[in-house]
Amino acid sequence: MKTLCVLQHVEAEYLGLLEDHFEARNIRFRYCRPFTPGASIPTSAEEYDGLILLGAGPKGIVSGDLIPSLGAELRLTRDFLDRGLPVIGIGIGACILTTAAGGGAEEAPMRFTLDYARRVVPDALNGHLPQTFPVAVYMRDRPVLPGTARALAVNQHDEPVVFQLRNNCFGFVGHPGIKSALIEDLIMEFEEAPDGTAETLADLRAVQGEIAANLGPIMVGLIQVTDLMEQSA
């Protein structure tokens, strides 16, 4: 059974709908919560088979209230990359991934948007990435892709919302397993919230079923490409 290290930056933002998909495939995940007293970030990837970098609500990587453990997270991410292990970055986690991989991040305001992504690589995720799918983004800053990365899906402004690094590392600007309750908890956890949050939250609730339906094929392709499932003898 393979084990994922999941770096959680704030209490409210977690794997969401992804948890059920990993559990159904006997993929273990272990949350690392550096924001809790006495917790620390692993110094290496030695005990794990992959890394997931979650979002951080209003916290940023180059602007606003910066993630306190950013330096240690970048070192850990580079260790996973150096070992050829899969890394999945979500929200600000996608910015951490691009920075560790030689790209970076650029300043962008805190925002909550709901958009439809458009696939631009036909065989993305072994052909399992849907042609169009809803993407909810709740974050600050924006990833800058290194030259070796390729966008797999873009939003209405042609900005990458799903991208691939190397063969087995992926960034999702919007949380693919988001729940409306997750956003509600983020709003309660932090005073800072984007304008129009109530309206976008209502829109998110309306497409929650569509997000869950599209997550199925996304996870099939993601698990295949990252090789996270144990092979049968």
Protein backbone atom coordinates (compact mmCIF):
# COMPACT_ATOMS: atom_id res chain seq x y z
CA MET A 1 0.00 0.00 0.00
CA LYS A 2 1.42 3.36 -1.02
CA THR A 3 1.41 6.41 1.26
CA LEU A 4 1.04 10.08 0.37
CA CYS A 5 2.31 13.01 2.40
CA VAL A 6 -0.41 15.70 2.37
CA LEU A 7 0.78 19.17 3.39
CA GLN A 8 -2.16 21.04 4.87
CA HIS A 9 -1.69 24.78 5.39
CA VAL A 10 -4.92 25.76 7.15
CA GLU A 11 -7.51 23.83 9.11
CA ALA A 12 -10.35 24.29 6.62
CA GLU A 13 -8.60 23.30 3.39
CA TYR A 14 -8.14 19.52 3.07
CA LEU A 15 -8.41 16.81 0.40
CA GLY A 16 -12.19 17.05 0.25
CA LEU A 17 -13.73 14.66 -2.29
CA LEU A 18 -10.25 13.29 -3.11
CA GLU A 19 -10.21 11.36 0.16
CA ASP A 20 -12.83 8.84 -0.96
CA HIS A 21 -11.03 8.20 -4.26
CA PHE A 22 -7.71 7.49 -2.54
CA GLU A 23 -9.32 5.29 0.12
CA ALA A 24 -11.19 3.28 -2.54
CA ARG A 25 -7.84 2.46 -4.14
CA ASN A 26 -6.09 1.61 -0.86
CA ILE A 27 -3.82 4.64 -1.17
CA ARG A 28 -2.99 5.92 2.29
CA PHE A 29 -2.57 9.63 2.98
CA ARG A 30 -0.99 11.20 6.02
CA TYR A 31 -1.77 14.83 6.77
CA CYS A 32 1.13 17.04 7.83
CA ARG A 33 -0.17 20.14 9.64
CA PRO A 34 2.71 22.55 10.33
CA PHE A 35 0.27 25.17 11.65
CA THR A 36 -0.52 23.06 14.72
CA PRO A 37 1.62 23.30 17.89
CA GLY A 38 4.49 20.80 17.94
CA ALA A 39 4.03 19.71 14.32
CA SER A 40 6.89 19.72 11.86
CA ILE A 41 7.42 19.18 8.14
CA PRO A 42 9.26 16.00 7.07
CA THR A 43 12.86 16.68 6.14
CA SER A 44 12.82 14.19 3.27
CA ALA A 45 10.53 12.10 1.06
CA GLU A 46 12.00 8.88 2.35
CA GLU A 47 8.86 7.48 4.02
CA TYR A 48 6.44 8.42 1.24
CA ASP A 49 5.44 7.53 -2.31
CA GLY A 50 4.09 10.94 -3.30
CA LEU A 51 3.32 14.46 -2.10
CA ILE A 52 0.18 16.59 -2.22
CA LEU A 53 0.48 20.33 -1.52
CA LEU A 54 -2.90 21.76 -0.57
CA GLY A 55 -4.21 25.32 -0.75
CA ALA A 56 -3.96 27.90 2.01
CA GLY A 57 -7.06 30.06 1.85
CA PRO A 58 -5.93 33.73 1.77
CA LYS A 59 -2.26 32.97 2.50
CA GLY A 60 0.21 33.60 -0.32
CA ILE A 61 3.63 32.64 -1.58
CA VAL A 62 4.74 36.08 -2.86
CA SER A 63 2.08 38.45 -1.48
CA GLY A 64 -0.18 38.96 1.49
CA ASP A 65 0.23 36.83 4.59
CA LEU A 66 2.94 34.39 3.47
CA ILE A 67 2.94 30.70 4.38
CA PRO A 68 5.28 30.49 7.41
CA SER A 69 6.69 27.07 6.51
CA LEU A 70 7.36 27.92 2.85
CA GLY A 71 11.13 27.35 2.96
CA ALA A 72 10.83 23.89 4.46
CA GLU A 73 8.03 23.01 2.03
CA LEU A 74 10.11 24.02 -0.98
CA ARG A 75 13.01 21.87 0.24
CA LEU A 76 10.70 18.90 0.77
CA THR A 77 9.08 19.35 -2.65
CA ARG A 78 12.50 19.46 -4.33
CA ASP A 79 13.42 16.22 -2.58
CA PHE A 80 10.32 14.50 -3.99
CA LEU A 81 11.14 15.88 -7.44
CA ASP A 82 14.79 14.79 -7.20
CA ARG A 83 13.66 11.26 -6.33
CA GLY A 84 11.27 11.14 -9.30
CA LEU A 85 8.21 10.82 -7.03
CA PRO A 86 4.82 12.29 -7.97
CA VAL A 87 3.86 15.72 -6.64
CA ILE A 88 0.35 17.19 -6.92
CA GLY A 89 -0.08 20.88 -6.15
CA ILE A 90 -3.53 22.35 -5.49
CA GLY A 91 -4.22 26.09 -5.26
CA ILE A 92 -1.23 27.75 -3.63
CA GLY A 93 0.28 24.26 -3.64
CA ALA A 94 0.51 24.58 -7.43
CA CYS A 95 2.61 27.73 -6.88
CA ILE A 96 4.89 25.84 -4.50
CA LEU A 97 5.30 23.08 -7.08
CA THR A 98 6.20 25.46 -9.92
CA THR A 99 8.64 27.35 -7.70
CA ALA A 100 10.38 24.16 -6.55
CA ALA A 101 10.58 22.96 -10.16
CA GLY A 102 12.37 26.07 -11.43
CA GLY A 103 9.41 28.26 -12.35
CA GLY A 104 7.87 30.57 -9.80
CA ALA A 105 4.80 32.48 -8.73
CA GLU A 106 3.49 35.96 -9.40
CA GLU A 107 1.44 38.30 -7.29
CA ALA A 108 -2.31 38.09 -7.81
CA PRO A 109 -5.14 39.28 -5.55
CA MET A 110 -7.16 37.03 -3.31
CA ARG A 111 -10.05 35.72 -5.40
CA PHE A 112 -12.95 33.29 -5.47
CA THR A 113 -13.97 32.38 -9.01
CA LEU A 114 -16.02 29.68 -10.68
CA ASP A 115 -15.17 29.02 -14.30
CA TYR A 116 -15.29 26.25 -16.88
CA ALA A 117 -11.93 24.82 -17.88
CA ARG A 118 -11.18 23.73 -21.44
CA ARG A 119 -8.83 20.83 -22.15
CA VAL A 120 -6.06 21.79 -24.59
CA VAL A 121 -4.16 18.48 -24.72
CA PRO A 122 -6.35 15.66 -26.11
CA ASP A 123 -4.50 12.84 -24.32
CA ALA A 124 -4.15 14.68 -20.99
CA LEU A 125 -4.19 12.26 -18.01
CA ASN A 126 -4.11 9.34 -20.43
CA GLY A 127 -7.15 10.81 -22.16
CA HIS A 128 -9.23 10.94 -18.96
CA LEU A 129 -9.23 14.71 -18.39
CA PRO A 130 -12.74 15.89 -19.37
CA GLN A 131 -13.04 18.18 -22.36
CA THR A 132 -14.74 20.81 -20.19
CA PHE A 133 -15.27 20.88 -16.44
CA PRO A 134 -16.03 23.41 -13.68
CA VAL A 135 -13.08 24.85 -11.73
CA ALA A 136 -13.49 26.74 -8.47
CA VAL A 137 -10.48 28.84 -7.43
CA TYR A 138 -10.10 30.26 -3.91
CA MET A 139 -6.57 31.56 -3.51
CA ARG A 140 -4.01 34.34 -3.69
CA ASP A 141 -1.13 34.59 -6.21
CA ARG A 142 -0.67 32.63 -9.43
CA PRO A 143 1.79 29.92 -10.56
CA VAL A 144 4.41 30.70 -13.21
CA LEU A 145 5.14 27.52 -15.13
CA PRO A 146 8.74 26.53 -15.86
CA GLY A 147 9.65 26.02 -19.51
CA THR A 148 9.42 22.25 -19.18
CA ALA A 149 5.79 22.33 -18.04
CA ARG A 150 2.75 22.11 -20.30
CA ALA A 151 -0.76 23.36 -19.74
CA LEU A 152 -3.39 20.62 -19.95
CA ALA A 153 -6.47 22.81 -19.43
CA VAL A 154 -7.08 26.56 -19.43
CA ASN A 155 -9.82 28.91 -18.21
CA GLN A 156 -11.78 31.46 -20.26
CA HIS A 157 -8.78 33.80 -20.18
CA ASP A 158 -6.49 31.05 -21.53
CA GLU A 159 -4.66 30.87 -18.19
CA PRO A 160 -3.46 27.36 -17.19
CA VAL A 161 -5.68 25.75 -14.56
CA VAL A 162 -4.30 22.20 -14.89
CA PHE A 163 -0.67 21.63 -15.86
CA GLN A 164 1.89 18.85 -15.97
CA LEU A 165 5.54 18.83 -14.94
CA ARG A 166 7.81 15.98 -15.95
CA ASN A 167 5.83 12.76 -16.34
CA ASN A 168 4.15 12.43 -12.96
CA CYS A 169 3.69 15.88 -11.38
CA PHE A 170 0.55 17.97 -11.75
CA GLY A 171 -0.79 21.33 -10.69
CA PHE A 172 -4.47 22.20 -10.19
CA VAL A 173 -5.14 25.90 -9.71
CA GLY A 174 -8.64 25.01 -8.57
CA HIS A 175 -9.24 22.23 -6.03
CA PRO A 176 -10.58 19.29 -8.12
CA GLY A 177 -12.30 17.78 -5.08
CA ILE A 178 -13.69 20.97 -3.60
CA LYS A 179 -16.78 21.02 -1.41
CA SER A 180 -18.89 24.10 -0.78
CA ALA A 181 -18.53 23.38 2.95
CA LEU A 182 -14.76 23.75 2.58
CA ILE A 183 -15.20 27.31 1.32
CA GLU A 184 -17.69 28.04 4.08
CA ASP A 185 -15.14 26.91 6.66
CA LEU A 186 -12.42 29.07 5.06
CA ILE A 187 -14.71 32.09 5.28
CA MET A 188 -15.28 31.37 8.97
CA GLU A 189 -11.57 30.70 9.66
CA PHE A 190 -10.28 33.96 8.16
CA GLU A 191 -11.56 37.53 8.20
CA GLU A 192 -10.33 38.16 4.66
CA ALA A 193 -12.71 37.07 1.91
CA PRO A 194 -12.99 38.15 -1.74
CA ASP A 195 -15.80 40.38 -3.00
CA GLY A 196 -18.82 38.51 -4.27
CA THR A 197 -18.10 35.45 -2.13
CA ALA A 198 -21.76 34.79 -1.27
CA GLU A 199 -22.82 34.80 -4.92
CA THR A 200 -19.93 32.57 -6.06
CA LEU A 201 -20.58 30.18 -3.19
CA ALA A 202 -24.20 29.83 -4.34
CA ASP A 203 -22.97 29.11 -7.87
CA LEU A 204 -20.55 26.51 -6.50
CA ARG A 205 -23.35 24.72 -4.66
CA ALA A 206 -25.28 24.56 -7.93
CA VAL A 207 -22.45 22.72 -9.74
CA GLN A 208 -21.27 20.57 -6.82
CA GLY A 209 -22.66 17.43 -8.42
CA GLU A 210 -20.95 18.24 -11.71
CA ILE A 211 -17.62 18.71 -9.93
CA ALA A 212 -18.00 15.34 -8.22
CA ALA A 213 -18.92 13.64 -11.51
CA ASN A 214 -15.88 15.06 -13.32
CA LEU A 215 -13.57 14.10 -10.49
CA GLY A 216 -14.12 10.41 -11.30
CA PRO A 217 -12.31 10.38 -14.66
CA ILE A 218 -9.75 12.92 -13.42
CA MET A 219 -8.76 10.57 -10.62
CA VAL A 220 -8.63 7.55 -12.93
CA GLY A 221 -6.16 9.34 -15.17
CA LEU A 222 -4.20 10.89 -12.30
CA ILE A 223 -3.71 7.55 -10.55
CA GLN A 224 -2.63 5.92 -13.81
CA VAL A 225 -0.08 8.57 -14.74
CA THR A 226 1.38 8.89 -11.23
CA ASP A 227 1.50 5.07 -10.80
CA LEU A 228 0.18 5.34 -7.24
CA MET A 229 -1.74 2.07 -7.20
CA GLU A 230 0.02 -1.14 -6.25
CA GLN A 231 0.30 -3.46 -9.24
CA SER A 232 -1.37 -6.85 -8.92
CA ALA A 233 0.98 -9.82 -8.87
